[in-house]
């Protein structure tokens, strides 16, 4: 089974390439993927007929107990035949439905095959979570298929509506699946159905939520509006998704769960009521349609209501009838949709009023349509008649439900006759329609599907043997599938439905005014649009009330919630009743006092620069606490981070007013101070609670030994970053790359790529015997205004820059055993670049780092990821460290740890981040200031030029 899914995946991936080579003819080889699934299911027929199951299990997420478990039983076997068989025929049909050079055909073919694979995974999954994965994949792929014609607003709207409705239902279903799995103790349906299932409220809630998902997927009221709207999709999509596959997913899920859950409170009222209402309302709406495709769409809604009623009834006879109707409906409805596609292609219209005489010009196509429509109406000897009679027989003991089924069947017969008449009859006063001859590949699929209904009816006894194992899950069926049962009440009801439907169609003229007036009180499509508008309005109101653009308001709200909810819980539980040592040395108390004073002064500061510096003092104080606690590596990193942060703040403050605004008023400032103090107390209480709640030894106690034995280093902090928890570091590197891209994207107003800019011509000395560039300390300093230059700053920068870079390399290579590492070394280089920029401006930054920030970021991430891949290819685990010992003449023995290369990646990513920030918040902001007329306090050039 997994091989079939992989086959569909491969076919979907190569589909665009095949379409580019062969055009629509590529659909023929692509049809082999679903055809293989069909053939595989046919070969498993003897196993299924005996009531056995085919099971495959593959390990997936062992820590969570999740496996890729597939299970083929009678119901999933039947659905596999439908998904594979109809899918193959639809792809053959597409080979002539689409013309060469059709827009988006490559994407369409790939998505259609991918949908077939997702649907196959859905019906074969034994694990409910795996089933949900397939469920949501079909939702996404159906969205892409319905919205195939992206240039049409109707297609985009229909795709969005289908996605919205089915996704909301899917989310409800996910909650129900999680509740059911937790309640039953397993997510594997074979395990849940085999053992006793505890009752109670959680089970009822789970069942209702799962039914919401199933009903929304199968377009059952009140979720039926998306299916008629989805007719904006190409006809092959309608034939496959909305007749044979996707809309059957909800019916399949109900049928899968019914043997166990049909007796749960709430199951039958929901299923029977919603199904009957959908069958009648959908059938009545189908009679009022003038577009053939919409007529079939509302007819599909009606038939899905019938299937939900029969599948969810939870009795053996209903289950047997449900499987027969499931098979019959897929055959006749897919055939009818494909017929509509042929008519549309040949005449250019689907409107009933514009079609006339098509039956005479296309007798073969008309015959196909008559066979399929007759099966839909329940005429003998077709399979639709066998299934319809079995349904009536299964509900003879439920007169209310039976009456509703008979009324719905009368409507089904009426719109079936209306379809044949509207598509093929000659209409008085309407000119005969022009009809272009159809080719064989377009007629073959509907012919096979309609012919199947004709052949399967007389062979109903053989179908009974194949489908009976599913019905026996509910008990022993009292009925059996057959073309003739004798003179039974079910036969009389079938005859009554045929006569009633024929009479209703015959009286269509006199009944037309009544049909026009008799409508549902709330149109489903209008209801959906009303709900969407209300949600949009609610979103606007909530956004307007909460998103005021005030950062203090947002932060204050967050902190108030923190104080009120966890703070109240702390006061009530008081879990911190432990002895607390306030300090280990008086120096810690001094540092804490300095930090507290700086924090208080920062709150009252009126100048932004003053507030920023005081905030920096709190950061440096935290670093000093690390020193006192014997963590020099953490202290070094904190010092470097705080310094880099101050440098970034300096760059940002150039574009902000020097002072804070006069607001907030004094009273509001005290409110903010109170919120801050309360938040600090709560956070301190949470920290004490977390520290005192530990019951097991911390994992970090083993880190020192692991650092030496596995990481081959004595610096526990660095080894943790590059070896023990290297996956975390790799994720953080990705976050840094995204952050750098986001910061620069907010500032740059032009492309960040391209060749390195050249300095203005005026900055170059005239040609002569002496190179004047050697007479300046920084080559970019000459581009600054005189009042912004500092010769002392330039000299110090020139003397120290290269030394600082070398020191960063020392920290990089020694960090595995001593304080330092790639992160700290990268920060040192970042600060050196910041000093170089502050001393010489943006041109000096280009001289110092003549490569793009994106190149450095990409190189660093590639090196870090490559290290993990190399370890995997060498037979180890991903990001596993290896010690390499070798001897260098004149140097001696060298011990190299492969995690050093991962640290090099960290080194480059940090440098790239700093470079991107300097070029965006520094150089590019300089350009903005320059373009605005030179207002600002940052480095400026005398005239506009192309800078880095």
Foldseek 3Di string as FASTA:
>chain_A
DVVLLVLLLVLLVCLLVLCVVVNLVSLLVSLVSLLVLLVVLVVCLVCQLVQHKDWDWACDDVVVPDIQIFIDHLLLSLLSNLLSVLLSLLSLLSSPLDDGPDPQPSVLSSLSSNLSSLLNQLSGGQFVVSNLVSLVSNLVSLLCQLLVVVVDPLSNVLSVLSSVQLVVLSVLLVVLLVLQCVQQVGRGNVSSLVDDGDADDSNVSSLVSNLSNLCLQLLFPPNVPSQLSSLSGQLSSCLNCVFRTRNCSSLSVLLSCQLPCLPHPPQLVVQLVRLLVQLQQLLLVLLVDQFLSSNLRSNSSNLSSVLSNLSSNLALLSQLLSSLSSLLRSLLSSLSSLLLSQLCVFFVGRGLQQAFQQCVVCVPSLVLLVLSLCLQLQHPLFSSVLSQLSNLVVCVVPVVSSVSSLSSSLSSLQSSVVSSCSHHHHDPPHDHTGGDDDDDSSVVRSNVSSVCRRVVSQVQQVVQSSSSSSSCSSPHDPDTGHSDPDDDVSVVSSVVSNVSNVVCNVCCVVCVVVSVVDHDPDDSVVVVVVVVVVVVVVVVVVCVVQVPVDPVSVVLVVLVCLLPVLVVVCVVVVQLPDDDDPDDDVVLVVLVVLLVVLCVVLLVDFFPLSNLVSPLSNQLSVLVVCVVVPNPLVSLLSNLVSVLVNLLVVLQCQPPDGTDDPDDDPVVSVVSVVSVVSSVVSVVSVVSNVVVVDDDDDPCVCQQVCLCPFVVERQSVQSCCLAVPVVVNLVVLVVLVVVLVVLQVVFDPDDLDDAADDDDPVLADDDDPDGCCVVALFSLQVQFDPVLADNVLSNVLSVCLVVLLVVLVVLCVCVRYDRHFLQSSLSSNLVSLSSQCSRRNQQSSCVVPVDALVVLSVVLSCQLQVLQVVCVVVPHHGSGKDWDWDADPPPGIDIDISSSSNRNSSNSSSNSSSSSSCCRSNVSVQVVCVVVPNRTDGTHGPHDDDGD
